[in-house]
Amino acid sequence: MIRCDEVTKIFRKNGSEITSLDRFTADIGAGEFVAVRGPSGSGKTTLLLTLGGMQRPSAGLVQFSGR
C-alpha cells in the first residue's frame, strides 16, 4: 500500500517558487491500478518520481506499506 498525506513539492529558481504538487493525498492499495493524467506541466512526473522515492517532497508524508 502507498499512502500520501498532504504531499507538496515546491521548486525554487531565481527567487521564484513553482508549486508542482499541492497537498496531494491518496491511499493506493495493494493490487490497485491507478492512472495519472493531466495537461503538460500539471505535476504528473513529479508525482510519480515522489511516489517512486526518487524525489523528496517539500512537505507531507509518503509511506510504503506503513514505513
PDB file of N, CA and C in Angstrom:
ATOM      1  N   MET A   1       0.836  -1.183   0.000  1.00  0.00           N
ATOM      2  CA  MET A   1       0.000   0.000   0.000  1.00  0.00           C
ATOM      3  C   MET A   1       0.882   1.247   0.000  1.00  0.00           C
ATOM      4  N   ILE A   2       0.455   2.224  -0.745  1.00  0.00           N
ATOM      5  CA  ILE A   2       1.127   3.524  -0.764  1.00  0.00           C
ATOM      6  C   ILE A   2       0.161   4.555  -0.191  1.00  0.00           C
ATOM      7  N   ARG A   3       0.648   5.298   0.766  1.00  0.00           N
ATOM      8  CA  ARG A   3      -0.174   6.360   1.363  1.00  0.00           C
ATOM      9  C   ARG A   3       0.541   7.693   1.190  1.00  0.00           C
ATOM     10  N   CYS A   4      -0.183   8.654   0.659  1.00  0.00           N
ATOM     11  CA  CYS A   4       0.322  10.024   0.519  1.00  0.00           C
ATOM     12  C   CYS A   4      -0.557  10.915   1.371  1.00  0.00           C
ATOM     13  N   ASP A   5       0.073  11.706   2.198  1.00  0.00           N
ATOM     14  CA  ASP A   5      -0.682  12.599   3.076  1.00  0.00           C
ATOM     15  C   ASP A   5      -0.151  14.025   2.939  1.00  0.00           C
ATOM     16  N   GLU A   6      -0.949  14.873   2.305  1.00  0.00           N
ATOM     17  CA  GLU A   6      -0.621  16.296   2.170  1.00  0.00           C
ATOM     18  C   GLU A   6       0.743  16.522   1.504  1.00  0.00           C
ATOM     19  N   VAL A   7       1.046  15.732   0.474  1.00  0.00           N
ATOM     20  CA  VAL A   7       2.344  15.825  -0.201  1.00  0.00           C
ATOM     21  C   VAL A   7       2.403  17.093  -1.054  1.00  0.00           C
ATOM     22  N   THR A   8       3.434  17.870  -0.823  1.00  0.00           N
ATOM     23  CA  THR A   8       3.655  19.124  -1.548  1.00  0.00           C
ATOM     24  C   THR A   8       5.076  19.122  -2.091  1.00  0.00           C
ATOM     25  N   LYS A   9       5.232  19.600  -3.318  1.00  0.00           N
ATOM     26  CA  LYS A   9       6.564  19.765  -3.898  1.00  0.00           C
ATOM     27  C   LYS A   9       6.656  21.159  -4.480  1.00  0.00           C
ATOM     28  N   ILE A  10       7.648  21.905  -4.001  1.00  0.00           N
ATOM     29  CA  ILE A  10       7.878  23.273  -4.467  1.00  0.00           C
ATOM     30  C   ILE A  10       9.278  23.342  -5.062  1.00  0.00           C
ATOM     31  N   PHE A  11       9.366  23.845  -6.277  1.00  0.00           N
ATOM     32  CA  PHE A  11      10.653  24.074  -6.922  1.00  0.00           C
ATOM     33  C   PHE A  11      10.980  25.555  -6.804  1.00  0.00           C
ATOM     34  N   ARG A  12      12.232  25.850  -6.456  1.00  0.00           N
ATOM     35  CA  ARG A  12      12.667  27.242  -6.318  1.00  0.00           C
ATOM     36  C   ARG A  12      13.755  27.526  -7.345  1.00  0.00           C
ATOM     37  N   LYS A  13      13.598  28.649  -8.045  1.00  0.00           N
ATOM     38  CA  LYS A  13      14.591  29.037  -9.043  1.00  0.00           C
ATOM     39  C   LYS A  13      14.571  30.545  -9.204  1.00  0.00           C
ATOM     40  N   ASN A  14      15.748  31.139  -9.130  1.00  0.00           N
ATOM     41  CA  ASN A  14      15.903  32.585  -9.325  1.00  0.00           C
ATOM     42  C   ASN A  14      14.950  33.407  -8.460  1.00  0.00           C
ATOM     43  N   GLY A  15      14.766  32.994  -7.224  1.00  0.00           N
ATOM     44  CA  GLY A  15      13.930  33.746  -6.305  1.00  0.00           C
ATOM     45  C   GLY A  15      12.436  33.526  -6.450  1.00  0.00           C
ATOM     46  N   SER A  16      12.015  32.672  -7.382  1.00  0.00           N
ATOM     47  CA  SER A  16      10.581  32.399  -7.523  1.00  0.00           C
ATOM     48  C   SER A  16      10.296  30.950  -7.147  1.00  0.00           C
ATOM     49  N   GLU A  17       9.047  30.680  -6.813  1.00  0.00           N
ATOM     50  CA  GLU A  17       8.624  29.340  -6.419  1.00  0.00           C
ATOM     51  C   GLU A  17       7.556  28.834  -7.370  1.00  0.00           C
ATOM     52  N   ILE A  18       7.670  27.551  -7.715  1.00  0.00           N
ATOM     53  CA  ILE A  18       6.650  26.891  -8.530  1.00  0.00           C
ATOM     54  C   ILE A  18       6.171  25.683  -7.737  1.00  0.00           C
ATOM     55  N   THR A  19       4.883  25.642  -7.439  1.00  0.00           N
ATOM     56  CA  THR A  19       4.307  24.517  -6.711  1.00  0.00           C
ATOM     57  C   THR A  19       3.839  23.484  -7.721  1.00  0.00           C
ATOM     58  N   SER A  20       4.476  22.317  -7.694  1.00  0.00           N
ATOM     59  CA  SER A  20       4.143  21.252  -8.633  1.00  0.00           C
ATOM     60  C   SER A  20       3.085  20.316  -8.047  1.00  0.00           C
ATOM     61  N   LEU A  21       3.199  20.009  -6.768  1.00  0.00           N
ATOM     62  CA  LEU A  21       2.185  19.234  -6.051  1.00  0.00           C
ATOM     63  C   LEU A  21       1.718  20.070  -4.875  1.00  0.00           C
ATOM     64  N   ASP A  22       0.421  20.137  -4.684  1.00  0.00           N
ATOM     65  CA  ASP A  22      -0.128  20.978  -3.625  1.00  0.00           C
ATOM     66  C   ASP A  22      -1.048  20.163  -2.726  1.00  0.00           C
ATOM     67  N   ARG A  23      -0.499  19.657  -1.625  1.00  0.00           N
ATOM     68  CA  ARG A  23      -1.246  18.893  -0.614  1.00  0.00           C
ATOM     69  C   ARG A  23      -1.964  17.684  -1.210  1.00  0.00           C
ATOM     70  N   PHE A  24      -1.255  16.900  -2.021  1.00  0.00           N
ATOM     71  CA  PHE A  24      -1.817  15.695  -2.637  1.00  0.00           C
ATOM     72  C   PHE A  24      -1.996  14.617  -1.579  1.00  0.00           C
ATOM     73  N   THR A  25      -3.186  14.033  -1.514  1.00  0.00           N
ATOM     74  CA  THR A  25      -3.495  12.977  -0.559  1.00  0.00           C
ATOM     75  C   THR A  25      -4.158  11.818  -1.289  1.00  0.00           C
ATOM     76  N   ALA A  26      -3.676  10.584  -1.039  1.00  0.00           N
ATOM     77  CA  ALA A  26      -4.269   9.396  -1.656  1.00  0.00           C
ATOM     78  C   ALA A  26      -3.815   8.154  -0.908  1.00  0.00           C
ATOM     79  N   ASP A  27      -4.633   7.115  -0.976  1.00  0.00           N
ATOM     80  CA  ASP A  27      -4.280   5.781  -0.492  1.00  0.00           C
ATOM     81  C   ASP A  27      -4.426   4.835  -1.672  1.00  0.00           C
ATOM     82  N   ILE A  28      -3.351   4.131  -2.004  1.00  0.00           N
ATOM     83  CA  ILE A  28      -3.365   3.190  -3.119  1.00  0.00           C
ATOM     84  C   ILE A  28      -3.095   1.814  -2.534  1.00  0.00           C
ATOM     85  N   GLY A  29      -4.090   0.944  -2.616  1.00  0.00           N
ATOM     86  CA  GLY A  29      -3.986  -0.377  -2.019  1.00  0.00           C
ATOM     87  C   GLY A  29      -3.212  -1.358  -2.878  1.00  0.00           C
ATOM     88  N   ALA A  30      -2.764  -2.441  -2.257  1.00  0.00           N
ATOM     89  CA  ALA A  30      -2.050  -3.496  -2.976  1.00  0.00           C
ATOM     90  C   ALA A  30      -2.946  -4.055  -4.073  1.00  0.00           C
ATOM     91  N   GLY A  31      -2.408  -4.197  -5.266  1.00  0.00           N
ATOM     92  CA  GLY A  31      -3.158  -4.740  -6.394  1.00  0.00           C
ATOM     93  C   GLY A  31      -4.010  -3.731  -7.139  1.00  0.00           C
ATOM     94  N   GLU A  32      -4.077  -2.514  -6.654  1.00  0.00           N
ATOM     95  CA  GLU A  32      -4.852  -1.475  -7.335  1.00  0.00           C
ATOM     96  C   GLU A  32      -4.071  -0.908  -8.511  1.00  0.00           C
ATOM     97  N   PHE A  33      -4.793  -0.543  -9.552  1.00  0.00           N
ATOM     98  CA  PHE A  33      -4.212   0.155 -10.689  1.00  0.00           C
ATOM     99  C   PHE A  33      -4.647   1.608 -10.629  1.00  0.00           C
ATOM    100  N   VAL A  34      -3.730   2.505 -10.932  1.00  0.00           N
ATOM    101  CA  VAL A  34      -4.014   3.935 -10.883  1.00  0.00           C
ATOM    102  C   VAL A  34      -3.547   4.567 -12.180  1.00  0.00           C
ATOM    103  N   ALA A  35      -4.368   5.424 -12.747  1.00  0.00           N
ATOM    104  CA  ALA A  35      -3.983   6.193 -13.934  1.00  0.00           C
ATOM    105  C   ALA A  35      -3.756   7.641 -13.513  1.00  0.00           C
ATOM    106  N   VAL A  36      -2.694   8.223 -14.031  1.00  0.00           N
ATOM    107  CA  VAL A  36      -2.382   9.623 -13.749  1.00  0.00           C
ATOM    108  C   VAL A  36      -2.429  10.363 -15.068  1.00  0.00           C
ATOM    109  N   ARG A  37      -3.320  11.328 -15.161  1.00  0.00           N
ATOM    110  CA  ARG A  37      -3.416  12.091 -16.398  1.00  0.00           C
ATOM    111  C   ARG A  37      -3.675  13.551 -16.095  1.00  0.00           C
ATOM    112  N   GLY A  38      -3.303  14.385 -17.030  1.00  0.00           N
ATOM    113  CA  GLY A  38      -3.487  15.819 -16.877  1.00  0.00           C
ATOM    114  C   GLY A  38      -2.689  16.535 -17.941  1.00  0.00           C
ATOM    115  N   PRO A  39      -2.885  17.825 -18.054  1.00  0.00           N
ATOM    116  CA  PRO A  39      -2.170  18.589 -19.080  1.00  0.00           C
ATOM    117  C   PRO A  39      -0.675  18.699 -18.761  1.00  0.00           C
ATOM    118  N   SER A  40       0.064  19.075 -19.765  1.00  0.00           N
ATOM    119  CA  SER A  40       1.501  19.292 -19.608  1.00  0.00           C
ATOM    120  C   SER A  40       1.760  20.301 -18.493  1.00  0.00           C
ATOM    121  N   GLY A  41       2.714  19.967 -17.632  1.00  0.00           N
ATOM    122  CA  GLY A  41       3.067  20.881 -16.547  1.00  0.00           C
ATOM    123  C   GLY A  41       2.197  20.780 -15.316  1.00  0.00           C
ATOM    124  N   SER A  42       1.333  19.760 -15.248  1.00  0.00           N
ATOM    125  CA  SER A  42       0.411  19.664 -14.112  1.00  0.00           C
ATOM    126  C   SER A  42       0.967  18.882 -12.922  1.00  0.00           C
ATOM    127  N   GLY A  43       2.176  18.293 -13.057  1.00  0.00           N
ATOM    128  CA  GLY A  43       2.790  17.611 -11.923  1.00  0.00           C
ATOM    129  C   GLY A  43       2.769  16.094 -11.988  1.00  0.00           C
ATOM    130  N   LYS A  44       2.419  15.523 -13.131  1.00  0.00           N
ATOM    131  CA  LYS A  44       2.351  14.062 -13.251  1.00  0.00           C
ATOM    132  C   LYS A  44       3.704  13.402 -12.979  1.00  0.00           C
ATOM    133  N   THR A  45       4.741  13.871 -13.633  1.00  0.00           N
ATOM    134  CA  THR A  45       6.070  13.293 -13.452  1.00  0.00           C
ATOM    135  C   THR A  45       6.572  13.536 -12.038  1.00  0.00           C
ATOM    136  N   THR A  46       6.328  14.696 -11.496  1.00  0.00           N
ATOM    137  CA  THR A  46       6.722  14.993 -10.117  1.00  0.00           C
ATOM    138  C   THR A  46       6.047  14.021  -9.158  1.00  0.00           C
ATOM    139  N   LEU A  47       4.771  13.746  -9.372  1.00  0.00           N
ATOM    140  CA  LEU A  47       4.042  12.801  -8.528  1.00  0.00           C
ATOM    141  C   LEU A  47       4.664  11.414  -8.617  1.00  0.00           C
ATOM    142  N   LEU A  48       4.918  10.934  -9.826  1.00  0.00           N
ATOM    143  CA  LEU A  48       5.473   9.591  -9.988  1.00  0.00           C
ATOM    144  C   LEU A  48       6.882   9.479  -9.411  1.00  0.00           C
ATOM    145  N   LEU A  49       7.700  10.503  -9.598  1.00  0.00           N
ATOM    146  CA  LEU A  49       9.047  10.495  -9.012  1.00  0.00           C
ATOM    147  C   LEU A  49       8.984  10.485  -7.486  1.00  0.00           C
ATOM    148  N   THR A  50       8.032  11.205  -6.934  1.00  0.00           N
ATOM    149  CA  THR A  50       7.867  11.260  -5.480  1.00  0.00           C
ATOM    150  C   THR A  50       7.356   9.925  -4.947  1.00  0.00           C
ATOM    151  N   LEU A  51       6.375   9.335  -5.621  1.00  0.00           N
ATOM    152  CA  LEU A  51       5.851   8.035  -5.196  1.00  0.00           C
ATOM    153  C   LEU A  51       6.910   6.948  -5.314  1.00  0.00           C
ATOM    154  N   GLY A  52       7.785   7.067  -6.313  1.00  0.00           N
ATOM    155  CA  GLY A  52       8.839   6.083  -6.519  1.00  0.00           C
ATOM    156  C   GLY A  52      10.049   6.275  -5.623  1.00  0.00           C
ATOM    157  N   GLY A  53      10.033   7.294  -4.785  1.00  0.00           N
ATOM    158  CA  GLY A  53      11.133   7.536  -3.867  1.00  0.00           C
ATOM    159  C   GLY A  53      12.362   8.163  -4.508  1.00  0.00           C
ATOM    160  N   MET A  54      12.230   8.644  -5.734  1.00  0.00           N
ATOM    161  CA  MET A  54      13.368   9.250  -6.426  1.00  0.00           C
ATOM    162  C   MET A  54      13.458  10.750  -6.208  1.00  0.00           C
ATOM    163  N   GLN A  55      12.444  11.307  -5.555  1.00  0.00           N
ATOM    164  CA  GLN A  55      12.412  12.745  -5.286  1.00  0.00           C
ATOM    165  C   GLN A  55      11.723  12.956  -3.944  1.00  0.00           C
ATOM    166  N   ARG A  56      12.298  13.778  -3.113  1.00  0.00           N
ATOM    167  CA  ARG A  56      11.697  14.052  -1.804  1.00  0.00           C
ATOM    168  C   ARG A  56      10.646  15.146  -1.926  1.00  0.00           C
ATOM    169  N   PRO A  57       9.538  14.991  -1.213  1.00  0.00           N
ATOM    170  CA  PRO A  57       8.565  16.076  -1.196  1.00  0.00           C
ATOM    171  C   PRO A  57       9.077  17.244  -0.352  1.00  0.00           C
ATOM    172  N   SER A  58       8.592  18.436  -0.636  1.00  0.00           N
ATOM    173  CA  SER A  58       8.930  19.608   0.179  1.00  0.00           C
ATOM    174  C   SER A  58       8.226  19.536   1.526  1.00  0.00           C
ATOM    175  N   ALA A  59       7.054  18.920   1.531  1.00  0.00           N
ATOM    176  CA  ALA A  59       6.266  18.752   2.754  1.00  0.00           C
ATOM    177  C   ALA A  59       5.363  17.544   2.571  1.00  0.00           C
ATOM    178  N   GLY A  60       4.854  17.034   3.661  1.00  0.00           N
ATOM    179  CA  GLY A  60       3.940  15.907   3.604  1.00  0.00           C
ATOM    180  C   GLY A  60       4.653  14.585   3.832  1.00  0.00           C
ATOM    181  N   LEU A  61       3.901  13.504   3.673  1.00  0.00           N
ATOM    182  CA  LEU A  61       4.387  12.174   4.010  1.00  0.00           C
ATOM    183  C   LEU A  61       4.022  11.190   2.913  1.00  0.00           C
ATOM    184  N   VAL A  62       4.995  10.363   2.509  1.00  0.00           N
ATOM    185  CA  VAL A  62       4.756   9.248   1.595  1.00  0.00           C
ATOM    186  C   VAL A  62       5.173   7.990   2.336  1.00  0.00           C
ATOM    187  N   GLN A  63       4.248   7.026   2.460  1.00  0.00           N
ATOM    188  CA  GLN A  63       4.541   5.776   3.160  1.00  0.00           C
ATOM    189  C   GLN A  63       4.324   4.597   2.223  1.00  0.00           C
ATOM    190  N   PHE A  64       5.209   3.604   2.330  1.00  0.00           N
ATOM    191  CA  PHE A  64       5.091   2.359   1.590  1.00  0.00           C
ATOM    192  C   PHE A  64       4.898   1.243   2.601  1.00  0.00           C
ATOM    193  N   SER A  65       3.773   0.590   2.558  1.00  0.00           N
ATOM    194  CA  SER A  65       3.469  -0.500   3.492  1.00  0.00           C
ATOM    195  C   SER A  65       3.690  -0.082   4.942  1.00  0.00           C
ATOM    196  N   GLY A  66       3.293   1.135   5.272  1.00  0.00           N
ATOM    197  CA  GLY A  66       3.373   1.623   6.645  1.00  0.00           C
ATOM    198  C   GLY A  66       4.727   2.146   7.078  1.00  0.00           C
ATOM    199  N   ARG A  67       5.725   2.169   6.172  1.00  0.00           N
ATOM    200  CA  ARG A  67       7.065   2.654   6.527  1.00  0.00           C
ATOM    201  C   ARG A  67       7.319   4.015   5.948  1.00  0.00           C
TER     202      ARG A  67
END
